Amino acid sequence: MTNAAPVNGRELPGEAESWHRLHELIDRISPEMAEVPGYFEEGWTAKDAVAHIGTWMAEGAQMLRRIAAGTYREGEVDVDAENERFLAAMRDIPLQTVHLQVASAHAELLRAWAQLPEITPAAEYWVRKAGPEHVAEHLPRLETWIEEVTGRRR
């Protein structure tokens, strides 16, 4: 996560662009391509990467809702443990369902953000962790991976 400029009001800088780019890449992933390991050295597939983005969006939306309700508790997140948990939960989910999950999670994240009564440092943290900055971190590798897999098939 980067220490970018503070999020201004309800606007999420880079959100529309990162979502558009992600959606373009998702549309290029065939069911066969989605199952090819190697996105990460740990054996992730492109489907795993998209599911990872979606699960973090869902987690971010949940945390924003807790912040809005006054039930959020500060605490350090074990990102590696969460990544493993999310991977295990989504690994066997079909590609089409992963596409639906990421779209739904994206909508929920934006809705939860828009409904916050005030923007707190915790809310800014979670929208960065789960929102456009996180998506942007994965776009270059996802694009490269799609090109690599497509090139192997030629």
N, C-alpha and C. Protein backbone atom coordinates (compact mmCIF):
# COMPACT_ATOMS: atom_id res chain seq x y z
N MET A 1 0.85 -1.17 0.00
CA MET A 1 0.00 0.00 0.00
C MET A 1 0.89 1.23 0.00
N THR A 2 0.49 2.21 -0.78
CA THR A 2 1.28 3.43 -0.86
C THR A 2 0.69 4.49 0.06
N ASN A 3 1.47 5.51 0.33
CA ASN A 3 1.00 6.65 1.10
C ASN A 3 0.67 7.77 0.13
N ALA A 4 -0.34 7.57 -0.68
CA ALA A 4 -0.74 8.56 -1.67
C ALA A 4 -1.43 9.72 -0.97
N ALA A 5 -1.75 10.73 -1.77
CA ALA A 5 -2.45 11.89 -1.23
C ALA A 5 -3.76 11.46 -0.59
N PRO A 6 -4.19 12.17 0.44
CA PRO A 6 -5.43 11.79 1.11
C PRO A 6 -6.60 11.76 0.13
N VAL A 7 -7.53 10.88 0.40
CA VAL A 7 -8.72 10.79 -0.42
C VAL A 7 -9.56 12.03 -0.15
N ASN A 8 -10.00 12.68 -1.20
CA ASN A 8 -10.71 13.95 -1.09
C ASN A 8 -12.22 13.73 -1.16
N GLY A 9 -12.91 13.96 -0.06
CA GLY A 9 -14.36 13.81 -0.04
C GLY A 9 -14.78 12.40 -0.42
N ARG A 10 -15.76 12.29 -1.30
CA ARG A 10 -16.25 10.98 -1.72
C ARG A 10 -15.60 10.51 -3.01
N GLU A 11 -14.82 11.35 -3.63
CA GLU A 11 -14.14 10.95 -4.86
C GLU A 11 -12.99 10.00 -4.53
N LEU A 12 -12.90 8.94 -5.30
CA LEU A 12 -11.78 8.01 -5.17
C LEU A 12 -10.87 8.19 -6.37
N PRO A 13 -9.78 8.91 -6.20
CA PRO A 13 -8.89 9.16 -7.34
C PRO A 13 -8.45 7.86 -7.99
N GLY A 14 -8.59 7.81 -9.30
CA GLY A 14 -8.15 6.66 -10.06
C GLY A 14 -9.14 5.51 -10.08
N GLU A 15 -10.27 5.64 -9.38
CA GLU A 15 -11.20 4.51 -9.28
C GLU A 15 -11.78 4.13 -10.63
N ALA A 16 -12.32 5.07 -11.36
CA ALA A 16 -12.96 4.75 -12.64
C ALA A 16 -11.96 4.15 -13.62
N GLU A 17 -10.77 4.73 -13.68
CA GLU A 17 -9.75 4.23 -14.60
C GLU A 17 -9.30 2.82 -14.23
N SER A 18 -9.02 2.59 -12.95
CA SER A 18 -8.54 1.26 -12.55
C SER A 18 -9.63 0.21 -12.75
N TRP A 19 -10.89 0.55 -12.46
CA TRP A 19 -11.98 -0.41 -12.67
C TRP A 19 -12.15 -0.71 -14.16
N HIS A 20 -12.09 0.31 -14.99
CA HIS A 20 -12.22 0.12 -16.44
C HIS A 20 -11.11 -0.79 -16.96
N ARG A 21 -9.88 -0.53 -16.55
CA ARG A 21 -8.75 -1.37 -16.98
C ARG A 21 -8.90 -2.80 -16.49
N LEU A 22 -9.31 -2.97 -15.23
CA LEU A 22 -9.51 -4.31 -14.70
C LEU A 22 -10.60 -5.03 -15.48
N HIS A 23 -11.69 -4.35 -15.74
CA HIS A 23 -12.80 -4.96 -16.47
C HIS A 23 -12.36 -5.39 -17.87
N GLU A 24 -11.58 -4.56 -18.55
CA GLU A 24 -11.05 -4.93 -19.87
C GLU A 24 -10.21 -6.20 -19.79
N LEU A 25 -9.38 -6.31 -18.75
CA LEU A 25 -8.54 -7.50 -18.60
C LEU A 25 -9.38 -8.72 -18.25
N ILE A 26 -10.35 -8.56 -17.37
CA ILE A 26 -11.22 -9.68 -17.01
C ILE A 26 -11.89 -10.25 -18.25
N ASP A 27 -12.33 -9.37 -19.13
CA ASP A 27 -13.01 -9.82 -20.35
C ASP A 27 -12.10 -10.62 -21.28
N ARG A 28 -10.80 -10.47 -21.13
CA ARG A 28 -9.84 -11.20 -21.98
C ARG A 28 -9.49 -12.58 -21.42
N ILE A 29 -9.89 -12.86 -20.20
CA ILE A 29 -9.53 -14.13 -19.56
C ILE A 29 -10.56 -15.20 -19.92
N SER A 30 -10.13 -16.17 -20.71
CA SER A 30 -11.02 -17.29 -21.06
C SER A 30 -11.05 -18.28 -19.89
N PRO A 31 -12.04 -19.15 -19.85
CA PRO A 31 -12.07 -20.16 -18.78
C PRO A 31 -10.80 -21.02 -18.74
N GLU A 32 -10.27 -21.36 -19.91
CA GLU A 32 -9.04 -22.16 -19.95
C GLU A 32 -7.85 -21.37 -19.42
N MET A 33 -7.73 -20.13 -19.87
CA MET A 33 -6.63 -19.26 -19.44
C MET A 33 -6.70 -19.00 -17.93
N ALA A 34 -7.91 -18.93 -17.41
CA ALA A 34 -8.12 -18.60 -16.00
C ALA A 34 -7.50 -19.63 -15.07
N GLU A 35 -7.33 -20.86 -15.55
CA GLU A 35 -6.85 -21.95 -14.69
C GLU A 35 -5.36 -22.22 -14.82
N VAL A 36 -4.65 -21.46 -15.65
CA VAL A 36 -3.21 -21.68 -15.84
C VAL A 36 -2.45 -21.08 -14.66
N PRO A 37 -1.70 -21.91 -13.91
CA PRO A 37 -0.93 -21.37 -12.78
C PRO A 37 0.28 -20.58 -13.25
N GLY A 38 0.76 -19.69 -12.38
CA GLY A 38 1.97 -18.94 -12.68
C GLY A 38 1.83 -17.44 -12.58
N TYR A 39 0.62 -16.97 -12.30
CA TYR A 39 0.44 -15.52 -12.12
C TYR A 39 1.41 -15.03 -11.05
N PHE A 40 1.48 -15.77 -9.96
CA PHE A 40 2.50 -15.57 -8.93
C PHE A 40 3.27 -16.87 -8.80
N GLU A 41 4.48 -16.78 -8.28
CA GLU A 41 5.30 -17.98 -8.08
C GLU A 41 4.61 -19.00 -7.21
N GLU A 42 3.74 -18.54 -6.33
CA GLU A 42 3.03 -19.44 -5.42
C GLU A 42 2.00 -20.30 -6.14
N GLY A 43 1.85 -20.11 -7.44
CA GLY A 43 0.93 -20.93 -8.22
C GLY A 43 -0.42 -20.31 -8.49
N TRP A 44 -0.58 -19.04 -8.18
CA TRP A 44 -1.85 -18.38 -8.45
C TRP A 44 -2.15 -18.39 -9.94
N THR A 45 -3.44 -18.43 -10.25
CA THR A 45 -3.91 -18.28 -11.62
C THR A 45 -4.44 -16.85 -11.79
N ALA A 46 -4.77 -16.49 -13.04
CA ALA A 46 -5.39 -15.19 -13.27
C ALA A 46 -6.73 -15.10 -12.54
N LYS A 47 -7.46 -16.22 -12.51
CA LYS A 47 -8.73 -16.25 -11.78
C LYS A 47 -8.50 -15.99 -10.29
N ASP A 48 -7.43 -16.57 -9.74
CA ASP A 48 -7.10 -16.33 -8.33
C ASP A 48 -6.83 -14.85 -8.09
N ALA A 49 -6.14 -14.21 -9.03
CA ALA A 49 -5.81 -12.79 -8.88
C ALA A 49 -7.07 -11.94 -8.89
N VAL A 50 -7.98 -12.23 -9.82
CA VAL A 50 -9.23 -11.47 -9.88
C VAL A 50 -10.05 -11.72 -8.61
N ALA A 51 -10.10 -12.97 -8.16
CA ALA A 51 -10.82 -13.29 -6.92
C ALA A 51 -10.19 -12.57 -5.73
N HIS A 52 -8.88 -12.49 -5.72
CA HIS A 52 -8.15 -11.77 -4.66
C HIS A 52 -8.59 -10.31 -4.61
N ILE A 53 -8.65 -9.68 -5.76
CA ILE A 53 -9.07 -8.27 -5.82
C ILE A 53 -10.50 -8.14 -5.30
N GLY A 54 -11.38 -9.04 -5.75
CA GLY A 54 -12.77 -8.99 -5.32
C GLY A 54 -12.97 -9.25 -3.84
N THR A 55 -12.21 -10.20 -3.29
CA THR A 55 -12.39 -10.48 -1.86
C THR A 55 -11.90 -9.32 -1.01
N TRP A 56 -10.83 -8.65 -1.44
CA TRP A 56 -10.38 -7.48 -0.69
C TRP A 56 -11.37 -6.33 -0.82
N MET A 57 -12.01 -6.19 -1.99
CA MET A 57 -13.06 -5.17 -2.11
C MET A 57 -14.21 -5.47 -1.15
N ALA A 58 -14.61 -6.73 -1.08
CA ALA A 58 -15.69 -7.13 -0.16
C ALA A 58 -15.28 -6.88 1.29
N GLU A 59 -14.05 -7.22 1.62
CA GLU A 59 -13.55 -6.99 2.98
C GLU A 59 -13.54 -5.49 3.29
N GLY A 60 -13.08 -4.69 2.33
CA GLY A 60 -13.06 -3.24 2.51
C GLY A 60 -14.46 -2.68 2.73
N ALA A 61 -15.43 -3.15 1.96
CA ALA A 61 -16.81 -2.70 2.13
C ALA A 61 -17.33 -3.05 3.52
N GLN A 62 -17.01 -4.26 3.97
CA GLN A 62 -17.43 -4.69 5.31
C GLN A 62 -16.81 -3.78 6.38
N MET A 63 -15.55 -3.45 6.24
CA MET A 63 -14.89 -2.60 7.22
C MET A 63 -15.46 -1.18 7.20
N LEU A 64 -15.77 -0.67 6.00
CA LEU A 64 -16.38 0.66 5.91
C LEU A 64 -17.76 0.67 6.58
N ARG A 65 -18.50 -0.42 6.44
CA ARG A 65 -19.81 -0.51 7.09
C ARG A 65 -19.65 -0.53 8.62
N ARG A 66 -18.63 -1.22 9.09
CA ARG A 66 -18.36 -1.23 10.54
C ARG A 66 -17.98 0.17 11.01
N ILE A 67 -17.17 0.86 10.24
CA ILE A 67 -16.78 2.23 10.59
C ILE A 67 -18.04 3.10 10.68
N ALA A 68 -18.91 2.99 9.69
CA ALA A 68 -20.15 3.79 9.68
C ALA A 68 -21.04 3.47 10.87
N ALA A 69 -21.06 2.21 11.28
CA ALA A 69 -21.92 1.78 12.39
C ALA A 69 -21.29 2.02 13.76
N GLY A 70 -20.00 2.40 13.77
CA GLY A 70 -19.31 2.62 15.03
C GLY A 70 -18.84 1.34 15.70
N THR A 71 -18.78 0.24 14.95
CA THR A 71 -18.36 -1.04 15.52
C THR A 71 -16.97 -1.47 15.06
N TYR A 72 -16.31 -0.63 14.29
CA TYR A 72 -14.98 -0.96 13.78
C TYR A 72 -13.97 -0.89 14.92
N ARG A 73 -13.07 -1.85 14.95
CA ARG A 73 -11.98 -1.85 15.93
C ARG A 73 -10.66 -1.84 15.19
N GLU A 74 -9.83 -0.88 15.56
CA GLU A 74 -8.50 -0.80 14.97
C GLU A 74 -7.71 -2.05 15.30
N GLY A 75 -6.91 -2.47 14.39
CA GLY A 75 -6.05 -3.62 14.63
C GLY A 75 -5.25 -3.91 13.38
N GLU A 76 -4.11 -4.49 13.59
CA GLU A 76 -3.26 -4.81 12.46
C GLU A 76 -3.85 -6.00 11.71
N VAL A 77 -3.86 -5.90 10.40
CA VAL A 77 -4.37 -6.96 9.55
C VAL A 77 -3.21 -7.83 9.11
N ASP A 78 -3.35 -9.13 9.26
CA ASP A 78 -2.35 -10.07 8.76
C ASP A 78 -2.69 -10.34 7.30
N VAL A 79 -2.12 -9.53 6.42
CA VAL A 79 -2.44 -9.58 5.00
C VAL A 79 -2.15 -10.95 4.41
N ASP A 80 -1.02 -11.55 4.75
CA ASP A 80 -0.68 -12.87 4.21
C ASP A 80 -1.71 -13.92 4.63
N ALA A 81 -2.11 -13.89 5.90
CA ALA A 81 -3.10 -14.86 6.38
C ALA A 81 -4.45 -14.64 5.68
N GLU A 82 -4.83 -13.39 5.51
CA GLU A 82 -6.08 -13.09 4.82
C GLU A 82 -6.00 -13.53 3.36
N ASN A 83 -4.87 -13.28 2.72
CA ASN A 83 -4.71 -13.71 1.33
C ASN A 83 -4.87 -15.23 1.21
N GLU A 84 -4.28 -15.96 2.13
CA GLU A 84 -4.40 -17.43 2.12
C GLU A 84 -5.85 -17.86 2.35
N ARG A 85 -6.52 -17.21 3.28
CA ARG A 85 -7.91 -17.54 3.57
C ARG A 85 -8.80 -17.25 2.36
N PHE A 86 -8.61 -16.08 1.75
CA PHE A 86 -9.40 -15.72 0.57
C PHE A 86 -9.12 -16.68 -0.59
N LEU A 87 -7.85 -17.02 -0.79
CA LEU A 87 -7.48 -17.94 -1.87
C LEU A 87 -8.17 -19.29 -1.68
N ALA A 88 -8.12 -19.81 -0.47
CA ALA A 88 -8.75 -21.10 -0.19
C ALA A 88 -10.27 -21.04 -0.42
N ALA A 89 -10.87 -19.94 -0.04
CA ALA A 89 -12.32 -19.79 -0.18
C ALA A 89 -12.76 -19.68 -1.64
N MET A 90 -11.93 -19.08 -2.48
CA MET A 90 -12.33 -18.79 -3.86
C MET A 90 -11.71 -19.72 -4.91
N ARG A 91 -10.75 -20.52 -4.54
CA ARG A 91 -9.99 -21.31 -5.51
C ARG A 91 -10.87 -22.17 -6.42
N ASP A 92 -11.89 -22.80 -5.89
CA ASP A 92 -12.72 -23.71 -6.68
C ASP A 92 -13.98 -23.06 -7.25
N ILE A 93 -14.09 -21.77 -7.12
CA ILE A 93 -15.25 -21.05 -7.63
C ILE A 93 -15.08 -20.86 -9.14
N PRO A 94 -16.12 -21.11 -9.94
CA PRO A 94 -16.00 -20.94 -11.39
C PRO A 94 -15.71 -19.49 -11.79
N LEU A 95 -15.04 -19.34 -12.92
CA LEU A 95 -14.63 -18.01 -13.41
C LEU A 95 -15.81 -17.05 -13.51
N GLN A 96 -16.92 -17.49 -14.06
CA GLN A 96 -18.07 -16.60 -14.20
C GLN A 96 -18.55 -16.08 -12.84
N THR A 97 -18.52 -16.93 -11.84
CA THR A 97 -18.92 -16.52 -10.49
C THR A 97 -17.91 -15.54 -9.91
N VAL A 98 -16.63 -15.76 -10.18
CA VAL A 98 -15.59 -14.82 -9.73
C VAL A 98 -15.83 -13.45 -10.36
N HIS A 99 -16.18 -13.42 -11.66
CA HIS A 99 -16.49 -12.15 -12.32
C HIS A 99 -17.65 -11.45 -11.62
N LEU A 100 -18.69 -12.20 -11.31
CA LEU A 100 -19.85 -11.62 -10.62
C LEU A 100 -19.48 -11.13 -9.22
N GLN A 101 -18.64 -11.90 -8.53
CA GLN A 101 -18.24 -11.53 -7.17
C GLN A 101 -17.45 -10.23 -7.18
N VAL A 102 -16.51 -10.08 -8.10
CA VAL A 102 -15.70 -8.86 -8.12
C VAL A 102 -16.57 -7.65 -8.49
N ALA A 103 -17.52 -7.82 -9.40
CA ALA A 103 -18.41 -6.71 -9.76
C ALA A 103 -19.30 -6.32 -8.58
N SER A 104 -19.83 -7.32 -7.89
CA SER A 104 -20.67 -7.05 -6.73
C SER A 104 -19.87 -6.39 -5.61
N ALA A 105 -18.67 -6.90 -5.35
CA ALA A 105 -17.82 -6.34 -4.30
C ALA A 105 -17.43 -4.90 -4.62
N HIS A 106 -17.16 -4.63 -5.89
CA HIS A 106 -16.82 -3.27 -6.33
C HIS A 106 -17.99 -2.33 -6.04
N ALA A 107 -19.19 -2.75 -6.42
CA ALA A 107 -20.37 -1.91 -6.17
C ALA A 107 -20.59 -1.69 -4.67
N GLU A 108 -20.40 -2.73 -3.88
CA GLU A 108 -20.57 -2.60 -2.43
C GLU A 108 -19.53 -1.67 -1.81
N LEU A 109 -18.30 -1.77 -2.28
CA LEU A 109 -17.25 -0.89 -1.76
C LEU A 109 -17.60 0.57 -2.04
N LEU A 110 -18.02 0.86 -3.27
CA LEU A 110 -18.39 2.24 -3.62
C LEU A 110 -19.60 2.70 -2.82
N ARG A 111 -20.57 1.82 -2.65
CA ARG A 111 -21.77 2.17 -1.88
C ARG A 111 -21.42 2.44 -0.42
N ALA A 112 -20.62 1.57 0.17
CA ALA A 112 -20.22 1.75 1.58
C ALA A 112 -19.44 3.05 1.75
N TRP A 113 -18.57 3.35 0.80
CA TRP A 113 -17.78 4.59 0.84
C TRP A 113 -18.70 5.81 0.78
N ALA A 114 -19.65 5.78 -0.16
CA ALA A 114 -20.56 6.92 -0.34
C ALA A 114 -21.46 7.13 0.87
N GLN A 115 -21.75 6.07 1.61
CA GLN A 115 -22.67 6.17 2.74
C GLN A 115 -22.00 6.49 4.07
N LEU A 116 -20.68 6.60 4.07
CA LEU A 116 -20.00 6.94 5.32
C LEU A 116 -20.45 8.32 5.80
N PRO A 117 -20.76 8.46 7.08
CA PRO A 117 -21.13 9.77 7.59
C PRO A 117 -19.96 10.75 7.60
N GLU A 118 -18.75 10.21 7.76
CA GLU A 118 -17.54 11.04 7.69
C GLU A 118 -16.37 10.16 7.26
N ILE A 119 -15.38 10.81 6.68
CA ILE A 119 -14.18 10.09 6.22
C ILE A 119 -13.16 10.13 7.35
N THR A 120 -12.89 8.97 7.90
CA THR A 120 -11.92 8.85 8.99
C THR A 120 -10.61 8.28 8.45
N PRO A 121 -9.53 8.38 9.21
CA PRO A 121 -8.29 7.74 8.77
C PRO A 121 -8.46 6.23 8.53
N ALA A 122 -9.26 5.57 9.35
CA ALA A 122 -9.50 4.13 9.14
C ALA A 122 -10.22 3.89 7.82
N ALA A 123 -11.18 4.74 7.50
CA ALA A 123 -11.90 4.61 6.23
C ALA A 123 -10.95 4.83 5.05
N GLU A 124 -10.10 5.83 5.16
CA GLU A 124 -9.12 6.07 4.09
C GLU A 124 -8.18 4.88 3.94
N TYR A 125 -7.76 4.29 5.05
CA TYR A 125 -6.90 3.11 4.99
C TYR A 125 -7.60 1.99 4.22
N TRP A 126 -8.85 1.70 4.59
CA TRP A 126 -9.54 0.57 3.98
C TRP A 126 -9.87 0.80 2.52
N VAL A 127 -10.17 2.02 2.15
CA VAL A 127 -10.47 2.25 0.73
C VAL A 127 -9.19 2.15 -0.09
N ARG A 128 -8.06 2.47 0.50
CA ARG A 128 -6.78 2.28 -0.20
C ARG A 128 -6.43 0.79 -0.28
N LYS A 129 -6.63 0.09 0.81
CA LYS A 129 -6.30 -1.34 0.87
C LYS A 129 -7.14 -2.14 -0.11
N ALA A 130 -8.39 -1.74 -0.28
CA ALA A 130 -9.32 -2.54 -1.06
C ALA A 130 -9.73 -1.90 -2.39
N GLY A 131 -9.43 -0.64 -2.57
CA GLY A 131 -9.94 0.09 -3.72
C GLY A 131 -8.95 0.28 -4.86
N PRO A 132 -8.99 1.45 -5.48
CA PRO A 132 -8.23 1.68 -6.71
C PRO A 132 -6.73 1.48 -6.59
N GLU A 133 -6.14 1.81 -5.47
CA GLU A 133 -4.69 1.60 -5.34
C GLU A 133 -4.35 0.12 -5.37
N HIS A 134 -5.17 -0.68 -4.70
CA HIS A 134 -4.94 -2.13 -4.69
C HIS A 134 -5.14 -2.71 -6.09
N VAL A 135 -6.20 -2.29 -6.76
CA VAL A 135 -6.43 -2.76 -8.13
C VAL A 135 -5.25 -2.38 -9.01
N ALA A 136 -4.80 -1.13 -8.91
CA ALA A 136 -3.69 -0.65 -9.74
C ALA A 136 -2.40 -1.43 -9.49
N GLU A 137 -2.21 -1.92 -8.26
CA GLU A 137 -1.03 -2.73 -7.97
C GLU A 137 -1.02 -4.02 -8.79
N HIS A 138 -2.19 -4.56 -9.06
CA HIS A 138 -2.29 -5.85 -9.75
C HIS A 138 -2.43 -5.74 -11.27
N LEU A 139 -2.81 -4.60 -11.79
CA LEU A 139 -3.05 -4.47 -13.22
C LEU A 139 -1.84 -4.80 -14.09
N PRO A 140 -0.65 -4.28 -13.79
CA PRO A 140 0.49 -4.59 -14.68
C PRO A 140 0.78 -6.09 -14.77
N ARG A 141 0.78 -6.78 -13.64
CA ARG A 141 1.08 -8.22 -13.67
C ARG A 141 -0.03 -9.00 -14.36
N LEU A 142 -1.27 -8.61 -14.12
CA LEU A 142 -2.38 -9.30 -14.76
C LEU A 142 -2.31 -9.13 -16.28
N GLU A 143 -2.02 -7.94 -16.72
CA GLU A 143 -1.89 -7.69 -18.15
C GLU A 143 -0.74 -8.49 -18.75
N THR A 144 0.40 -8.49 -18.07
CA THR A 144 1.57 -9.26 -18.53
C THR A 144 1.24 -10.75 -18.57
N TRP A 145 0.58 -11.24 -17.53
CA TRP A 145 0.25 -12.66 -17.46
C TRP A 145 -0.68 -13.07 -18.60
N ILE A 146 -1.67 -12.25 -18.90
CA ILE A 146 -2.57 -12.55 -20.01
C ILE A 146 -1.79 -12.61 -21.31
N GLU A 147 -0.87 -11.67 -21.52
CA GLU A 147 -0.03 -11.68 -22.72
C GLU A 147 0.84 -12.93 -22.77
N GLU A 148 1.42 -13.31 -21.63
CA GLU A 148 2.27 -14.51 -21.59
C GLU A 148 1.48 -15.76 -21.96
N VAL A 149 0.31 -15.92 -21.38
CA VAL A 149 -0.50 -17.11 -21.64
C VAL A 149 -1.00 -17.10 -23.08
N THR A 150 -1.42 -15.94 -23.56
CA THR A 150 -1.88 -15.83 -24.95
C THR A 150 -0.74 -16.15 -25.91
N GLY A 151 0.46 -15.68 -25.61
CA GLY A 151 1.63 -15.95 -26.46
C GLY A 151 1.99 -17.41 -26.52
N ARG A 152 1.77 -18.15 -25.45
CA ARG A 152 2.06 -19.59 -25.43
C ARG A 152 1.14 -20.36 -26.35
N ARG A 153 -0.05 -19.84 -26.56
CA ARG A 153 -1.06 -20.54 -27.36
C ARG A 153 -0.88 -20.32 -28.84
N ARG A 154 -0.08 -19.37 -29.23
CA ARG A 154 0.09 -19.05 -30.66
C ARG A 154 0.98 -20.04 -31.34
